[in-house]
Amino acid sequence: MPESRDIKGIIRHVAEVIIGELKLEDVTADTFNPDMDLVDELGIDSMDLATIALVLQDEYKIVIDEDDYPKLKTIRLIADYIKEKLTAKS
């Protein structure tokens, strides 16, 4: 599990996962806008989002409900969702 469980650490880790999974160039976790709309502005499709969700589920040992995917439009929303799941779990 990623070391940092605070919201900034989760945002950074989610950005790193997205950058790695989508093989994004010219962007780092530090320069990735956490409020960018991943679908409208970055062009992530449902398969990309499913892949990212699976990686995050694995790493954080949580379940991301498929019905919640449409709500996970930005890194910040994904991080808030993960934080909520982690808090509920502990």
C-alpha atoms as a PDB file:
ATOM      1  CA  MET A   1       0.000   0.000   0.000  1.00  0.00           C
ATOM      2  CA  PRO A   2       1.294   3.486  -0.768  1.00  0.00           C
ATOM      3  CA  GLU A   3       2.849   5.032   2.335  1.00  0.00           C
ATOM      4  CA  SER A   4       0.926   8.258   2.428  1.00  0.00           C
ATOM      5  CA  ARG A   5      -2.713   8.148   3.466  1.00  0.00           C
ATOM      6  CA  ASP A   6      -3.215  11.905   3.678  1.00  0.00           C
ATOM      7  CA  ILE A   7      -5.111  13.558   0.846  1.00  0.00           C
ATOM      8  CA  LYS A   8      -2.019  15.200  -0.699  1.00  0.00           C
ATOM      9  CA  GLY A   9      -0.189  11.887  -0.745  1.00  0.00           C
ATOM     10  CA  ILE A  10      -3.170  10.095  -2.260  1.00  0.00           C
ATOM     11  CA  ILE A  11      -3.548  12.797  -4.938  1.00  0.00           C
ATOM     12  CA  ARG A  12       0.141  12.436  -5.796  1.00  0.00           C
ATOM     13  CA  HIS A  13      -0.068   8.648  -5.961  1.00  0.00           C
ATOM     14  CA  VAL A  14      -3.226   8.678  -8.111  1.00  0.00           C
ATOM     15  CA  ALA A  15      -1.472  11.108 -10.492  1.00  0.00           C
ATOM     16  CA  GLU A  16       1.544   8.766 -10.653  1.00  0.00           C
ATOM     17  CA  VAL A  17      -0.706   5.780 -11.436  1.00  0.00           C
ATOM     18  CA  ILE A  18      -2.552   7.680 -14.183  1.00  0.00           C
ATOM     19  CA  ILE A  19       0.709   8.943 -15.703  1.00  0.00           C
ATOM     20  CA  GLY A  20       2.153   5.418 -15.638  1.00  0.00           C
ATOM     21  CA  GLU A  21      -0.915   3.601 -16.934  1.00  0.00           C
ATOM     22  CA  LEU A  22      -1.592   6.078 -19.737  1.00  0.00           C
ATOM     23  CA  LYS A  23       2.110   6.552 -20.508  1.00  0.00           C
ATOM     24  CA  LEU A  24       1.704  10.322 -20.366  1.00  0.00           C
ATOM     25  CA  GLU A  25       4.716  12.392 -21.299  1.00  0.00           C
ATOM     26  CA  ASP A  26       5.609  15.951 -20.346  1.00  0.00           C
ATOM     27  CA  VAL A  27       3.677  15.707 -17.077  1.00  0.00           C
ATOM     28  CA  THR A  28       4.719  14.742 -13.560  1.00  0.00           C
ATOM     29  CA  ALA A  29       2.748  14.083 -10.403  1.00  0.00           C
ATOM     30  CA  ASP A  30       3.767  17.579  -9.266  1.00  0.00           C
ATOM     31  CA  THR A  31       2.571  19.318 -12.432  1.00  0.00           C
ATOM     32  CA  PHE A  32      -0.613  17.272 -12.975  1.00  0.00           C
ATOM     33  CA  ASN A  33      -3.663  19.434 -12.239  1.00  0.00           C
ATOM     34  CA  PRO A  34      -5.721  17.407  -9.709  1.00  0.00           C
ATOM     35  CA  ASP A  35      -8.895  19.185 -10.848  1.00  0.00           C
ATOM     36  CA  MET A  36      -8.497  18.474 -14.563  1.00  0.00           C
ATOM     37  CA  ASP A  37     -11.461  16.573 -15.984  1.00  0.00           C
ATOM     38  CA  LEU A  38      -9.902  13.257 -16.963  1.00  0.00           C
ATOM     39  CA  VAL A  39     -12.585  12.402 -19.503  1.00  0.00           C
ATOM     40  CA  ASP A  40     -13.261  15.773 -21.140  1.00  0.00           C
ATOM     41  CA  GLU A  41      -9.799  17.343 -20.921  1.00  0.00           C
ATOM     42  CA  LEU A  42      -7.479  14.315 -20.986  1.00  0.00           C
ATOM     43  CA  GLY A  43      -9.597  11.966 -23.098  1.00  0.00           C
ATOM     44  CA  ILE A  44      -9.601   8.990 -20.730  1.00  0.00           C
ATOM     45  CA  ASP A  45     -12.134   6.392 -21.844  1.00  0.00           C
ATOM     46  CA  SER A  46     -14.030   3.864 -19.744  1.00  0.00           C
ATOM     47  CA  MET A  47     -11.418   1.130 -20.345  1.00  0.00           C
ATOM     48  CA  ASP A  48      -8.613   3.423 -19.123  1.00  0.00           C
ATOM     49  CA  LEU A  49     -10.649   4.357 -16.078  1.00  0.00           C
ATOM     50  CA  ALA A  50     -11.388   0.698 -15.313  1.00  0.00           C
ATOM     51  CA  THR A  51      -7.678  -0.140 -15.544  1.00  0.00           C
ATOM     52  CA  ILE A  52      -6.749   2.750 -13.260  1.00  0.00           C
ATOM     53  CA  ALA A  53      -9.484   1.750 -10.788  1.00  0.00           C
ATOM     54  CA  LEU A  54      -8.199  -1.842 -10.698  1.00  0.00           C
ATOM     55  CA  VAL A  55      -4.642  -0.697  -9.994  1.00  0.00           C
ATOM     56  CA  LEU A  56      -5.830   1.631  -7.218  1.00  0.00           C
ATOM     57  CA  GLN A  57      -8.064  -1.063  -5.700  1.00  0.00           C
ATOM     58  CA  ASP A  58      -5.092  -3.398  -5.610  1.00  0.00           C
ATOM     59  CA  GLU A  59      -2.707  -0.879  -4.115  1.00  0.00           C
ATOM     60  CA  TYR A  60      -5.069   0.552  -1.493  1.00  0.00           C
ATOM     61  CA  LYS A  61      -6.872  -2.743  -0.754  1.00  0.00           C
ATOM     62  CA  ILE A  62     -10.299  -1.165  -1.297  1.00  0.00           C
ATOM     63  CA  VAL A  63     -13.252  -1.843  -3.573  1.00  0.00           C
ATOM     64  CA  ILE A  64     -14.183   0.789  -6.132  1.00  0.00           C
ATOM     65  CA  ASP A  65     -17.753   0.143  -7.189  1.00  0.00           C
ATOM     66  CA  GLU A  66     -18.165   0.154 -10.969  1.00  0.00           C
ATOM     67  CA  ASP A  67     -21.287   2.287 -10.532  1.00  0.00           C
ATOM     68  CA  ASP A  68     -19.059   4.984  -8.993  1.00  0.00           C
ATOM     69  CA  TYR A  69     -16.727   5.250 -12.016  1.00  0.00           C
ATOM     70  CA  PRO A  70     -18.714   8.103 -13.642  1.00  0.00           C
ATOM     71  CA  LYS A  71     -18.251  10.190 -10.474  1.00  0.00           C
ATOM     72  CA  LEU A  72     -14.472   9.791 -10.556  1.00  0.00           C
ATOM     73  CA  LYS A  73     -13.779  12.550 -13.063  1.00  0.00           C
ATOM     74  CA  THR A  74     -10.713  14.211 -11.513  1.00  0.00           C
ATOM     75  CA  ILE A  75      -7.687  13.129  -9.521  1.00  0.00           C
ATOM     76  CA  ARG A  76      -9.034  15.067  -6.542  1.00  0.00           C
ATOM     77  CA  LEU A  77     -12.404  13.244  -6.700  1.00  0.00           C
ATOM     78  CA  ILE A  78     -10.622   9.888  -6.983  1.00  0.00           C
ATOM     79  CA  ALA A  79      -8.386  10.766  -4.016  1.00  0.00           C
ATOM     80  CA  ASP A  80     -11.387  11.876  -1.926  1.00  0.00           C
ATOM     81  CA  TYR A  81     -13.144   8.601  -2.814  1.00  0.00           C
ATOM     82  CA  ILE A  82     -10.094   6.546  -1.784  1.00  0.00           C
ATOM     83  CA  LYS A  83      -9.708   8.529   1.454  1.00  0.00           C
ATOM     84  CA  GLU A  84     -13.384   7.913   2.256  1.00  0.00           C
ATOM     85  CA  LYS A  85     -12.992   4.160   1.625  1.00  0.00           C
ATOM     86  CA  LEU A  86      -9.833   3.995   3.745  1.00  0.00           C
ATOM     87  CA  THR A  87     -11.514   5.883   6.587  1.00  0.00           C
ATOM     88  CA  ALA A  88     -14.565   3.599   6.477  1.00  0.00           C
ATOM     89  CA  LYS A  89     -12.291   0.551   6.505  1.00  0.00           C
ATOM     90  CA  SER A  90     -10.294   1.536   9.580  1.00  0.00           C
END
